[in-house]
PDB file of N, CA and C in Angstrom:
ATOM      1  N   ASN A   1      43.372 111.772 -59.884  1.00  0.00           N
ATOM      2  CA  ASN A   1      43.034 110.806 -58.851  1.00  0.00           C
ATOM      3  C   ASN A   1      44.110 110.839 -57.779  1.00  0.00           C
ATOM      4  N   ASN A   2      43.749 111.238 -56.574  1.00  0.00           N
ATOM      5  CA  ASN A   2      44.696 111.348 -55.471  1.00  0.00           C
ATOM      6  C   ASN A   2      44.613 110.197 -54.488  1.00  0.00           C
ATOM      7  N   GLU A   3      43.913 109.129 -54.856  1.00  0.00           N
ATOM      8  CA  GLU A   3      43.821 107.976 -53.963  1.00  0.00           C
ATOM      9  C   GLU A   3      45.156 107.254 -53.911  1.00  0.00           C
ATOM     10  N   PRO A   4      45.551 106.768 -52.723  1.00  0.00           N
ATOM     11  CA  PRO A   4      46.803 106.006 -52.624  1.00  0.00           C
ATOM     12  C   PRO A   4      46.724 104.731 -53.455  1.00  0.00           C
ATOM     13  N   ILE A   5      47.873 104.322 -53.974  1.00  0.00           N
ATOM     14  CA  ILE A   5      47.903 103.118 -54.805  1.00  0.00           C
ATOM     15  C   ILE A   5      48.811 102.069 -54.192  1.00  0.00           C
ATOM     16  N   LEU A   6      48.492 100.828 -54.459  1.00  0.00           N
ATOM     17  CA  LEU A   6      49.261  99.688 -53.975  1.00  0.00           C
ATOM     18  C   LEU A   6      50.545  99.512 -54.774  1.00  0.00           C
ATOM     19  N   ASN A   7      50.510  99.902 -56.029  1.00  0.00           N
ATOM     20  CA  ASN A   7      51.616  99.699 -56.971  1.00  0.00           C
ATOM     21  C   ASN A   7      52.933 100.232 -56.405  1.00  0.00           C
ATOM     22  N   GLY A   8      54.002  99.440 -56.571  1.00  0.00           N
ATOM     23  CA  GLY A   8      55.325  99.873 -56.142  1.00  0.00           C
ATOM     24  C   GLY A   8      55.855  99.043 -54.991  1.00  0.00           C
ATOM     25  N   SER A   9      56.957  99.519 -54.424  1.00  0.00           N
ATOM     26  CA  SER A   9      57.667  98.780 -53.372  1.00  0.00           C
ATOM     27  C   SER A   9      57.233  99.204 -51.978  1.00  0.00           C
ATOM     28  N   TRP A  10      57.086  98.201 -51.120  1.00  0.00           N
ATOM     29  CA  TRP A  10      56.712  98.384 -49.721  1.00  0.00           C
ATOM     30  C   TRP A  10      57.647  97.542 -48.855  1.00  0.00           C
ATOM     31  N   SER A  11      58.141  98.102 -47.762  1.00  0.00           N
ATOM     32  CA  SER A  11      58.982  97.369 -46.812  1.00  0.00           C
ATOM     33  C   SER A  11      58.153  96.907 -45.625  1.00  0.00           C
ATOM     34  N   VAL A  12      58.263  95.626 -45.269  1.00  0.00           N
ATOM     35  CA  VAL A  12      57.625  95.124 -44.048  1.00  0.00           C
ATOM     36  C   VAL A  12      58.395  95.709 -42.865  1.00  0.00           C
ATOM     37  N   ILE A  13      57.682  96.399 -41.969  1.00  0.00           N
ATOM     38  CA  ILE A  13      58.351  96.964 -40.794  1.00  0.00           C
ATOM     39  C   ILE A  13      57.890  96.325 -39.489  1.00  0.00           C
ATOM     40  N   ASN A  14      56.747  95.595 -39.525  1.00  0.00           N
ATOM     41  CA  ASN A  14      56.266  94.948 -38.309  1.00  0.00           C
ATOM     42  C   ASN A  14      55.346  93.792 -38.678  1.00  0.00           C
ATOM     43  N   VAL A  15      55.454  92.702 -37.893  1.00  0.00           N
ATOM     44  CA  VAL A  15      54.540  91.566 -38.001  1.00  0.00           C
ATOM     45  C   VAL A  15      54.066  91.251 -36.588  1.00  0.00           C
ATOM     46  N   ILE A  16      52.740  91.225 -36.386  1.00  0.00           N
ATOM     47  CA  ILE A  16      52.184  90.855 -35.090  1.00  0.00           C
ATOM     48  C   ILE A  16      51.135  89.775 -35.291  1.00  0.00           C
ATOM     49  N   GLY A  17      50.843  89.038 -34.200  1.00  0.00           N
ATOM     50  CA  GLY A  17      49.740  88.092 -34.221  1.00  0.00           C
ATOM     51  C   GLY A  17      50.161  86.653 -34.092  1.00  0.00           C
ATOM     52  N   GLY A  18      49.299  85.778 -34.598  1.00  0.00           N
ATOM     53  CA  GLY A  18      49.517  84.345 -34.496  1.00  0.00           C
ATOM     54  C   GLY A  18      49.196  83.841 -33.110  1.00  0.00           C
ATOM     55  N   LEU A  19      49.152  82.536 -32.964  1.00  0.00           N
ATOM     56  CA  LEU A  19      48.862  81.934 -31.663  1.00  0.00           C
ATOM     57  C   LEU A  19      49.940  82.255 -30.635  1.00  0.00           C
ATOM     58  N   ALA A  20      51.173  82.433 -31.094  1.00  0.00           N
ATOM     59  CA  ALA A  20      52.283  82.740 -30.180  1.00  0.00           C
ATOM     60  C   ALA A  20      52.310  84.203 -29.775  1.00  0.00           C
ATOM     61  N   GLY A  21      51.501  85.033 -30.425  1.00  0.00           N
ATOM     62  CA  GLY A  21      51.457  86.448 -30.080  1.00  0.00           C
ATOM     63  C   GLY A  21      52.746  87.187 -30.407  1.00  0.00           C
ATOM     64  N   ILE A  22      53.275  86.961 -31.595  1.00  0.00           N
ATOM     65  CA  ILE A  22      54.543  87.592 -31.965  1.00  0.00           C
ATOM     66  C   ILE A  22      54.362  89.093 -32.213  1.00  0.00           C
ATOM     67  N   ASP A  23      55.449  89.816 -32.087  1.00  0.00           N
ATOM     68  CA  ASP A  23      55.501  91.240 -32.394  1.00  0.00           C
ATOM     69  C   ASP A  23      56.942  91.538 -32.799  1.00  0.00           C
ATOM     70  N   ASP A  24      57.232  91.392 -34.101  1.00  0.00           N
ATOM     71  CA  ASP A  24      58.595  91.540 -34.610  1.00  0.00           C
ATOM     72  C   ASP A  24      58.698  92.766 -35.504  1.00  0.00           C
ATOM     73  N   ASN A  25      59.730  93.576 -35.254  1.00  0.00           N
ATOM     74  CA  ASN A  25      60.010  94.751 -36.070  1.00  0.00           C
ATOM     75  C   ASN A  25      61.164  94.455 -37.023  1.00  0.00           C
ATOM     76  N   TYR A  26      61.141  95.104 -38.192  1.00  0.00           N
ATOM     77  CA  TYR A  26      62.169  94.918 -39.209  1.00  0.00           C
ATOM     78  C   TYR A  26      62.638  96.270 -39.720  1.00  0.00           C
ATOM     79  N   GLU A  27      63.918  96.346 -40.062  1.00  0.00           N
ATOM     80  CA  GLU A  27      64.451  97.533 -40.707  1.00  0.00           C
ATOM     81  C   GLU A  27      63.884  97.601 -42.125  1.00  0.00           C
ATOM     82  N   GLU A  28      63.724  98.826 -42.646  1.00  0.00           N
ATOM     83  CA  GLU A  28      63.263  98.967 -44.024  1.00  0.00           C
ATOM     84  C   GLU A  28      64.233  98.283 -44.972  1.00  0.00           C
ATOM     85  N   ASP A  29      63.706  97.740 -46.033  1.00  0.00           N
ATOM     86  CA  ASP A  29      64.439  97.073 -47.115  1.00  0.00           C
ATOM     87  C   ASP A  29      64.956  95.681 -46.764  1.00  0.00           C
ATOM     88  N   VAL A  30      64.645  95.140 -45.575  1.00  0.00           N
ATOM     89  CA  VAL A  30      64.994  93.755 -45.259  1.00  0.00           C
ATOM     90  C   VAL A  30      64.005  92.818 -45.949  1.00  0.00           C
ATOM     91  N   ILE A  31      62.715  93.162 -45.869  1.00  0.00           N
ATOM     92  CA  ILE A  31      61.667  92.383 -46.539  1.00  0.00           C
ATOM     93  C   ILE A  31      60.882  93.370 -47.399  1.00  0.00           C
ATOM     94  N   VAL A  32      60.961  93.200 -48.719  1.00  0.00           N
ATOM     95  CA  VAL A  32      60.322  94.144 -49.641  1.00  0.00           C
ATOM     96  C   VAL A  32      59.308  93.412 -50.506  1.00  0.00           C
ATOM     97  N   TRP A  33      58.109  93.974 -50.559  1.00  0.00           N
ATOM     98  CA  TRP A  33      57.065  93.486 -51.452  1.00  0.00           C
ATOM     99  C   TRP A  33      56.889  94.534 -52.545  1.00  0.00           C
ATOM    100  N   ASP A  34      57.020  94.129 -53.800  1.00  0.00           N
ATOM    101  CA  ASP A  34      56.903  95.052 -54.930  1.00  0.00           C
ATOM    102  C   ASP A  34      55.707  94.639 -55.787  1.00  0.00           C
ATOM    103  N   PHE A  35      54.655  95.455 -55.743  1.00  0.00           N
ATOM    104  CA  PHE A  35      53.423  95.180 -56.472  1.00  0.00           C
ATOM    105  C   PHE A  35      53.484  95.798 -57.864  1.00  0.00           C
ATOM    106  N   ASP A  36      53.132  95.028 -58.876  1.00  0.00           N
ATOM    107  CA  ASP A  36      53.034  95.516 -60.250  1.00  0.00           C
ATOM    108  C   ASP A  36      51.571  95.391 -60.663  1.00  0.00           C
ATOM    109  N   GLU A  37      50.857  96.526 -60.660  1.00  0.00           N
ATOM    110  CA  GLU A  37      49.423  96.495 -60.949  1.00  0.00           C
ATOM    111  C   GLU A  37      49.120  96.103 -62.391  1.00  0.00           C
ATOM    112  N   GLN A  38      50.042  96.346 -63.312  1.00  0.00           N
ATOM    113  CA  GLN A  38      49.794  95.985 -64.712  1.00  0.00           C
ATOM    114  C   GLN A  38      49.779  94.471 -64.907  1.00  0.00           C
ATOM    115  N   THR A  39      50.724  93.775 -64.295  1.00  0.00           N
ATOM    116  CA  THR A  39      50.816  92.322 -64.472  1.00  0.00           C
ATOM    117  C   THR A  39      50.098  91.552 -63.370  1.00  0.00           C
ATOM    118  N   GLN A  40      49.648  92.272 -62.314  1.00  0.00           N
ATOM    119  CA  GLN A  40      49.035  91.635 -61.145  1.00  0.00           C
ATOM    120  C   GLN A  40      49.994  90.642 -60.506  1.00  0.00           C
ATOM    121  N   GLU A  41      51.293  90.999 -60.495  1.00  0.00           N
ATOM    122  CA  GLU A  41      52.305  90.165 -59.868  1.00  0.00           C
ATOM    123  C   GLU A  41      52.949  90.895 -58.703  1.00  0.00           C
ATOM    124  N   LEU A  42      53.248  90.132 -57.675  1.00  0.00           N
ATOM    125  CA  LEU A  42      53.936  90.614 -56.486  1.00  0.00           C
ATOM    126  C   LEU A  42      55.294  89.929 -56.437  1.00  0.00           C
ATOM    127  N   THR A  43      56.354  90.732 -56.384  1.00  0.00           N
ATOM    128  CA  THR A  43      57.694  90.183 -56.229  1.00  0.00           C
ATOM    129  C   THR A  43      58.139  90.436 -54.795  1.00  0.00           C
ATOM    130  N   VAL A  44      58.416  89.355 -54.073  1.00  0.00           N
ATOM    131  CA  VAL A  44      58.853  89.462 -52.681  1.00  0.00           C
ATOM    132  C   VAL A  44      60.347  89.183 -52.606  1.00  0.00           C
ATOM    133  N   THR A  45      61.052  90.076 -51.941  1.00  0.00           N
ATOM    134  CA  THR A  45      62.469  89.880 -51.649  1.00  0.00           C
ATOM    135  C   THR A  45      62.584  89.852 -50.131  1.00  0.00           C
ATOM    136  N   ASN A  46      62.744  88.642 -49.588  1.00  0.00           N
ATOM    137  CA  ASN A  46      62.784  88.463 -48.138  1.00  0.00           C
ATOM    138  C   ASN A  46      64.220  88.111 -47.734  1.00  0.00           C
ATOM    139  N   ASN A  47      64.937  89.112 -47.222  1.00  0.00           N
ATOM    140  CA  ASN A  47      66.329  88.932 -46.812  1.00  0.00           C
ATOM    141  C   ASN A  47      66.473  88.786 -45.299  1.00  0.00           C
ATOM    142  N   ASN A  48      65.381  88.454 -44.610  1.00  0.00           N
ATOM    143  CA  ASN A  48      65.455  88.268 -43.172  1.00  0.00           C
ATOM    144  C   ASN A  48      66.266  87.005 -42.852  1.00  0.00           C
ATOM    145  N   VAL A  49      67.258  87.134 -41.971  1.00  0.00           N
ATOM    146  CA  VAL A  49      68.068  85.984 -41.571  1.00  0.00           C
ATOM    147  C   VAL A  49      67.819  85.594 -40.109  1.00  0.00           C
ATOM    148  N   GLU A  50      67.003  86.376 -39.416  1.00  0.00           N
ATOM    149  CA  GLU A  50      66.663  86.069 -38.025  1.00  0.00           C
ATOM    150  C   GLU A  50      65.676  84.913 -37.984  1.00  0.00           C
ATOM    151  N   LEU A  51      65.816  84.042 -36.993  1.00  0.00           N
ATOM    152  CA  LEU A  51      64.861  82.951 -36.809  1.00  0.00           C
ATOM    153  C   LEU A  51      63.614  83.516 -36.141  1.00  0.00           C
ATOM    154  N   VAL A  52      62.525  83.525 -36.887  1.00  0.00           N
ATOM    155  CA  VAL A  52      61.256  84.039 -36.395  1.00  0.00           C
ATOM    156  C   VAL A  52      60.155  83.047 -36.762  1.00  0.00           C
ATOM    157  N   ILE A  53      59.029  83.187 -36.097  1.00  0.00           N
ATOM    158  CA  ILE A  53      57.894  82.307 -36.377  1.00  0.00           C
ATOM    159  C   ILE A  53      57.309  82.613 -37.751  1.00  0.00           C
ATOM    160  N   TYR A  54      57.204  83.901 -38.082  1.00  0.00           N
ATOM    161  CA  TYR A  54      56.583  84.298 -39.348  1.00  0.00           C
ATOM    162  C   TYR A  54      57.103  85.664 -39.751  1.00  0.00           C
ATOM    163  N   ASP A  55      57.517  85.804 -41.001  1.00  0.00           N
ATOM    164  CA  ASP A  55      57.958  87.114 -41.488  1.00  0.00           C
ATOM    165  C   ASP A  55      57.341  87.429 -42.849  1.00  0.00           C
ATOM    166  N   GLY A  56      56.186  86.866 -43.103  1.00  0.00           N
ATOM    167  CA  GLY A  56      55.506  87.123 -44.367  1.00  0.00           C
ATOM    168  C   GLY A  56      55.842  86.054 -45.384  1.00  0.00           C
ATOM    169  N   LEU A  57      55.811  86.438 -46.627  1.00  0.00           N
ATOM    170  CA  LEU A  57      56.047  85.491 -47.719  1.00  0.00           C
ATOM    171  C   LEU A  57      57.532  85.295 -47.984  1.00  0.00           C
ATOM    172  N   ALA A  58      57.877  84.122 -48.488  1.00  0.00           N
ATOM    173  CA  ALA A  58      59.254  83.841 -48.903  1.00  0.00           C
ATOM    174  C   ALA A  58      59.540  84.594 -50.202  1.00  0.00           C
ATOM    175  N   SER A  59      60.808  84.787 -50.495  1.00  0.00           N
ATOM    176  CA  SER A  59      61.186  85.434 -51.752  1.00  0.00           C
ATOM    177  C   SER A  59      60.590  84.673 -52.924  1.00  0.00           C
ATOM    178  N   GLY A  60      60.071  85.415 -53.895  1.00  0.00           N
ATOM    179  CA  GLY A  60      59.478  84.791 -55.066  1.00  0.00           C
ATOM    180  C   GLY A  60      58.512  85.729 -55.753  1.00  0.00           C
ATOM    181  N   ILE A  61      57.864  85.209 -56.776  1.00  0.00           N
ATOM    182  CA  ILE A  61      56.871  85.974 -57.528  1.00  0.00           C
ATOM    183  C   ILE A  61      55.512  85.314 -57.327  1.00  0.00           C
ATOM    184  N   TYR A  62      54.528  86.124 -56.957  1.00  0.00           N
ATOM    185  CA  TYR A  62      53.189  85.648 -56.643  1.00  0.00           C
ATOM    186  C   TYR A  62      52.163  86.420 -57.472  1.00  0.00           C
ATOM    187  N   SER A  63      51.062  85.768 -57.801  1.00  0.00           N
ATOM    188  CA  SER A  63      49.956  86.493 -58.425  1.00  0.00           C
ATOM    189  C   SER A  63      49.081  87.049 -57.306  1.00  0.00           C
ATOM    190  N   TYR A  64      48.453  88.165 -57.597  1.00  0.00           N
ATOM    191  CA  TYR A  64      47.571  88.758 -56.583  1.00  0.00           C
ATOM    192  C   TYR A  64      46.379  89.419 -57.252  1.00  0.00           C
ATOM    193  N   GLU A  65      45.355  89.654 -56.445  1.00  0.00           N
ATOM    194  CA  GLU A  65      44.208  90.419 -56.914  1.00  0.00           C
ATOM    195  C   GLU A  65      43.626  91.196 -55.744  1.00  0.00           C
ATOM    196  N   VAL A  66      43.076  92.345 -56.048  1.00  0.00           N
ATOM    197  CA  VAL A  66      42.399  93.172 -55.056  1.00  0.00           C
ATOM    198  C   VAL A  66      40.910  92.969 -55.259  1.00  0.00           C
ATOM    199  N   LEU A  67      40.214  92.632 -54.185  1.00  0.00           N
ATOM    200  CA  LEU A  67      38.783  92.367 -54.244  1.00  0.00           C
ATOM    201  C   LEU A  67      38.070  93.388 -53.363  1.00  0.00           C
ATOM    202  N   ILE A  68      37.152  94.128 -53.950  1.00  0.00           N
ATOM    203  CA  ILE A  68      36.396  95.138 -53.203  1.00  0.00           C
ATOM    204  C   ILE A  68      34.949  94.689 -53.125  1.00  0.00           C
ATOM    205  N   GLU A  69      34.457  94.480 -51.891  1.00  0.00           N
ATOM    206  CA  GLU A  69      33.076  94.094 -51.646  1.00  0.00           C
ATOM    207  C   GLU A  69      32.506  95.038 -50.606  1.00  0.00           C
ATOM    208  N   ASP A  70      31.437  95.747 -50.979  1.00  0.00           N
ATOM    209  CA  ASP A  70      30.848  96.759 -50.106  1.00  0.00           C
ATOM    210  C   ASP A  70      31.944  97.727 -49.681  1.00  0.00           C
ATOM    211  N   GLU A  71      32.201  97.845 -48.381  1.00  0.00           N
ATOM    212  CA  GLU A  71      33.233  98.762 -47.902  1.00  0.00           C
ATOM    213  C   GLU A  71      34.498  98.024 -47.486  1.00  0.00           C
ATOM    214  N   ASN A  72      34.593  96.732 -47.781  1.00  0.00           N
ATOM    215  CA  ASN A  72      35.761  95.929 -47.410  1.00  0.00           C
ATOM    216  C   ASN A  72      36.637  95.686 -48.636  1.00  0.00           C
ATOM    217  N   THR A  73      37.942  95.829 -48.434  1.00  0.00           N
ATOM    218  CA  THR A  73      38.899  95.572 -49.498  1.00  0.00           C
ATOM    219  C   THR A  73      39.802  94.436 -49.052  1.00  0.00           C
ATOM    220  N   SER A  74      39.905  93.417 -49.884  1.00  0.00           N
ATOM    221  CA  SER A  74      40.757  92.264 -49.595  1.00  0.00           C
ATOM    222  C   SER A  74      41.857  92.183 -50.638  1.00  0.00           C
ATOM    223  N   LEU A  75      43.003  91.683 -50.200  1.00  0.00           N
ATOM    224  CA  LEU A  75      44.118  91.405 -51.091  1.00  0.00           C
ATOM    225  C   LEU A  75      44.327  89.902 -51.056  1.00  0.00           C
ATOM    226  N   ILE A  76      44.210  89.254 -52.205  1.00  0.00           N
ATOM    227  CA  ILE A  76      44.361  87.807 -52.291  1.00  0.00           C
ATOM    228  C   ILE A  76      45.676  87.512 -52.993  1.00  0.00           C
ATOM    229  N   ILE A  77      46.582  86.848 -52.266  1.00  0.00           N
ATOM    230  CA  ILE A  77      47.883  86.468 -52.807  1.00  0.00           C
ATOM    231  C   ILE A  77      47.939  84.954 -52.760  1.00  0.00           C
ATOM    232  N   ASP A  78      47.934  84.331 -53.949  1.00  0.00           N
ATOM    233  CA  ASP A  78      47.797  82.883 -54.045  1.00  0.00           C
ATOM    234  C   ASP A  78      46.587  82.466 -53.220  1.00  0.00           C
ATOM    235  N   ASP A  79      46.721  81.666 -52.184  1.00  0.00           N
ATOM    236  CA  ASP A  79      45.564  81.234 -51.401  1.00  0.00           C
ATOM    237  C   ASP A  79      45.399  82.000 -50.095  1.00  0.00           C
ATOM    238  N   ILE A  80      46.195  83.032 -49.886  1.00  0.00           N
ATOM    239  CA  ILE A  80      46.132  83.789 -48.643  1.00  0.00           C
ATOM    240  C   ILE A  80      45.271  85.025 -48.848  1.00  0.00           C
ATOM    241  N   ILE A  81      44.303  85.219 -47.945  1.00  0.00           N
ATOM    242  CA  ILE A  81      43.421  86.374 -48.024  1.00  0.00           C
ATOM    243  C   ILE A  81      43.781  87.330 -46.896  1.00  0.00           C
ATOM    244  N   TYR A  82      44.104  88.559 -47.262  1.00  0.00           N
ATOM    245  CA  TYR A  82      44.401  89.611 -46.297  1.00  0.00           C
ATOM    246  C   TYR A  82      43.318  90.668 -46.386  1.00  0.00           C
ATOM    247  N   ASP A  83      42.926  91.195 -45.226  1.00  0.00           N
ATOM    248  CA  ASP A  83      42.090  92.376 -45.184  1.00  0.00           C
ATOM    249  C   ASP A  83      43.021  93.562 -45.398  1.00  0.00           C
ATOM    250  N   LEU A  84      42.790  94.343 -46.436  1.00  0.00           N
ATOM    251  CA  LEU A  84      43.601  95.522 -46.697  1.00  0.00           C
ATOM    252  C   LEU A  84      42.983  96.644 -45.872  1.00  0.00           C
ATOM    253  N   SER A  85      43.434  96.767 -44.606  1.00  0.00           N
ATOM    254  CA  SER A  85      42.756  97.654 -43.671  1.00  0.00           C
ATOM    255  C   SER A  85      43.240  99.089 -43.732  1.00  0.00           C
ATOM    256  N   ILE A  86      44.486  99.316 -44.124  1.00  0.00           N
ATOM    257  CA  ILE A  86      45.003 100.677 -44.239  1.00  0.00           C
ATOM    258  C   ILE A  86      45.844 100.776 -45.505  1.00  0.00           C
ATOM    259  N   LEU A  87      45.593 101.800 -46.291  1.00  0.00           N
ATOM    260  CA  LEU A  87      46.427 102.102 -47.447  1.00  0.00           C
ATOM    261  C   LEU A  87      46.487 103.611 -47.589  1.00  0.00           C
ATOM    262  N   THR A  88      47.668 104.178 -47.301  1.00  0.00           N
ATOM    263  CA  THR A  88      47.907 105.595 -47.512  1.00  0.00           C
ATOM    264  C   THR A  88      49.110 105.700 -48.449  1.00  0.00           C
ATOM    265  N   GLU A  89      49.572 106.900 -48.693  1.00  0.00           N
ATOM    266  CA  GLU A  89      50.740 107.078 -49.562  1.00  0.00           C
ATOM    267  C   GLU A  89      51.971 106.386 -48.994  1.00  0.00           C
ATOM    268  N   THR A  90      52.066 106.286 -47.647  1.00  0.00           N
ATOM    269  CA  THR A  90      53.283 105.754 -47.022  1.00  0.00           C
ATOM    270  C   THR A  90      53.055 104.587 -46.082  1.00  0.00           C
ATOM    271  N   SER A  91      51.815 104.147 -45.904  1.00  0.00           N
ATOM    272  CA  SER A  91      51.522 103.089 -44.942  1.00  0.00           C
ATOM    273  C   SER A  91      50.535 102.077 -45.526  1.00  0.00           C
ATOM    274  N   LEU A  92      50.833 100.800 -45.276  1.00  0.00           N
ATOM    275  CA  LEU A  92      49.985  99.706 -45.729  1.00  0.00           C
ATOM    276  C   LEU A  92      49.887  98.696 -44.594  1.00  0.00           C
ATOM    277  N   VAL A  93      48.662  98.261 -44.267  1.00  0.00           N
ATOM    278  CA  VAL A  93      48.454  97.234 -43.250  1.00  0.00           C
ATOM    279  C   VAL A  93      47.600  96.124 -43.851  1.00  0.00           C
ATOM    280  N   LEU A  94      48.138  94.904 -43.803  1.00  0.00           N
ATOM    281  CA  LEU A  94      47.429  93.713 -44.270  1.00  0.00           C
ATOM    282  C   LEU A  94      47.172  92.823 -43.076  1.00  0.00           C
ATOM    283  N   ASP A  95      45.943  92.338 -42.925  1.00  0.00           N
ATOM    284  CA  ASP A  95      45.553  91.583 -41.738  1.00  0.00           C
ATOM    285  C   ASP A  95      44.916  90.261 -42.124  1.00  0.00           C
ATOM    286  N   GLU A  96      45.587  89.152 -41.769  1.00  0.00           N
ATOM    287  CA  GLU A  96      44.999  87.815 -41.939  1.00  0.00           C
ATOM    288  C   GLU A  96      44.006  87.510 -40.833  1.00  0.00           C
ATOM    289  N   GLY A  97      44.140  88.176 -39.705  1.00  0.00           N
ATOM    290  CA  GLY A  97      43.331  87.891 -38.521  1.00  0.00           C
ATOM    291  C   GLY A  97      41.858  88.083 -38.732  1.00  0.00           C
ATOM    292  N   ALA A  98      41.492  88.903 -39.714  1.00  0.00           N
ATOM    293  CA  ALA A  98      40.076  89.095 -39.993  1.00  0.00           C
ATOM    294  C   ALA A  98      39.461  87.819 -40.569  1.00  0.00           C
ATOM    295  N   PHE A  99      40.310  86.930 -41.080  1.00  0.00           N
ATOM    296  CA  PHE A  99      39.820  85.723 -41.732  1.00  0.00           C
ATOM    297  C   PHE A  99      40.189  84.448 -40.984  1.00  0.00           C
ATOM    298  N   THR A 100      41.233  84.494 -40.134  1.00  0.00           N
ATOM    299  CA  THR A 100      41.634  83.328 -39.350  1.00  0.00           C
ATOM    300  C   THR A 100      41.977  83.777 -37.938  1.00  0.00           C
ATOM    301  N   SER A 101      41.702  82.953 -36.963  1.00  0.00           N
ATOM    302  CA  SER A 101      41.967  83.335 -35.576  1.00  0.00           C
ATOM    303  C   SER A 101      43.451  83.349 -35.252  1.00  0.00           C
ATOM    304  N   ASP A 102      44.250  82.634 -36.033  1.00  0.00           N
ATOM    305  CA  ASP A 102      45.686  82.599 -35.761  1.00  0.00           C
ATOM    306  C   ASP A 102      46.481  83.349 -36.832  1.00  0.00           C
ATOM    307  N   GLY A 103      45.827  84.305 -37.499  1.00  0.00           N
ATOM    308  CA  GLY A 103      46.465  85.043 -38.579  1.00  0.00           C
ATOM    309  C   GLY A 103      47.423  86.106 -38.076  1.00  0.00           C
ATOM    310  N   PHE A 104      48.090  86.735 -39.018  1.00  0.00           N
ATOM    311  CA  PHE A 104      49.083  87.750 -38.728  1.00  0.00           C
ATOM    312  C   PHE A 104      48.697  89.061 -39.357  1.00  0.00           C
ATOM    313  N   GLN A 105      49.196  90.138 -38.775  1.00  0.00           N
ATOM    314  CA  GLN A 105      49.031  91.467 -39.345  1.00  0.00           C
ATOM    315  C   GLN A 105      50.399  91.987 -39.741  1.00  0.00           C
ATOM    316  N   LEU A 106      50.526  92.403 -40.997  1.00  0.00           N
ATOM    317  CA  LEU A 106      51.783  92.934 -41.512  1.00  0.00           C
ATOM    318  C   LEU A 106      51.639  94.425 -41.752  1.00  0.00           C
ATOM    319  N   THR A 107      52.596  95.202 -41.256  1.00  0.00           N
ATOM    320  CA  THR A 107      52.618  96.633 -41.467  1.00  0.00           C
ATOM    321  C   THR A 107      53.805  96.969 -42.368  1.00  0.00           C
ATOM    322  N   PHE A 108      53.528  97.785 -43.379  1.00  0.00           N
ATOM    323  CA  PHE A 108      54.519  98.157 -44.381  1.00  0.00           C
ATOM    324  C   PHE A 108      54.678  99.672 -44.414  1.00  0.00           C
ATOM    325  N   SER A 109      55.827 100.123 -44.926  1.00  0.00           N
ATOM    326  CA  SER A 109      56.012 101.546 -45.200  1.00  0.00           C
ATOM    327  C   SER A 109      56.737 101.697 -46.520  1.00  0.00           C
ATOM    328  N   ARG A 110      56.710 102.901 -47.080  1.00  0.00           N
ATOM    329  CA  ARG A 110      57.469 103.203 -48.299  1.00  0.00           C
ATOM    330  C   ARG A 110      58.540 104.215 -47.944  1.00  0.00           C
TER     331      ARG A 110
END
């Protein structure tokens, strides 16, 4: 199976969106999301110290699930629903905007 997998560590490199129209870039390893497909747990390590409107989830452990309906794939983390719009070996894009008008899009890399 050569399909890209969510499992493992991903660094947030960009956050765009929201009513304020933010567009913030981050160095790799400042904000890391580590997915464990066996336990369905996401461990977030958010070391961002810059004052920003939104930089994703706070540090902690979250439960998650991947929901596939027709050709749409969603990632549900606690009560937040993201459209999993891109998943390759090195790139991941999660978009809240597909579900809320003031949502954010997070871009990750490995």
